[in-house]
């Protein structure tokens, strides 16, 4: 990889979807980013590819299959050179647009893979990821065996776990040959142990929420509002950057603003500075910021022209945020 690898997340491209009665959140809780336009999404994907996207990441859960279908349309005649990543583990109801449970049996995984292959209009998934972040380790052992078998069969090229727990991610790598992990990380919430695990086990890491669900764009304030079908308007407990209605959390906004001058140095936008901080952390990670529009794609990939932050800038951010290093 070069020193500024960048991919694209496509959670938002799935449009609205919701928690079902037997899923992890209350029934009806919004799980998407609200309404979207497929033609706009496709142009954004093409723009990301034109600017050198290393990977496009999605999941069968995003829009209960809709994100995968949109990506398939965009990648017709555009697949060369782009890694395609998706995930499994959340049972989807495409008719009601709900997640209705979780599953990880071998039969389920194989059926979910075939469904994703059909939606994505491909015969192989480059990166296939377990999407149940806190699955019990003994259950994950069996998942690892299934993923290794799918890799041997040629239906999957690489696989890993989308989890913020380094011990879980390490399990699939150490015992079943997983080559990657996906985890939350951004300048406000580092993931030092996950990065160390990737480096120790020679894994590559896909970094989700590198812009904190848009919070690090700087456009969300205490006066902001978002539609009811946007997860940020009714954030679950672990979504700390937003409050009810889509307002920016004041404490996290203060932290963001305290490091704004460093992140926007050398002509960067705030979002570009947040990506530059990630590139300064490790050469094993690839940020996958969510992209909905061509403008967002151009801004994110424009960060590559500035390169990573300098070491002294990273240290200054740690000092401002009172982080022990």
Foldseek 3Di string as FASTA:
>chain_A
DDLQAAAAEALQVLAWAFAPPAADDHGGQTDHAHGADLVQQLVQVVLLLVLPHAEYEEECLRNVLRSLLSQLVSCPVPVPRYAYEYEAFFDGDNVRRYGRYGDQALVRVVVRLVVSCVSNVHQAHAEYEYAPADPDQVSVVNSLVSVLVCCVVVRYVAYFYAYLDLVSRVSSCVPRNGAEYEYEDWLLRHSVVNQVSCVVSVHAYEYECHCLLVVQLVPAAQPDFGDSNRCLLVPDPVSQQGDHRNHGDPVVNVLSVLLLPLLCPPNAGSSLSGSLQVSVPDPRYYYHYHDRGSVVSCNNSVSVVVHHRDPVSSVVSCVSVVHDD
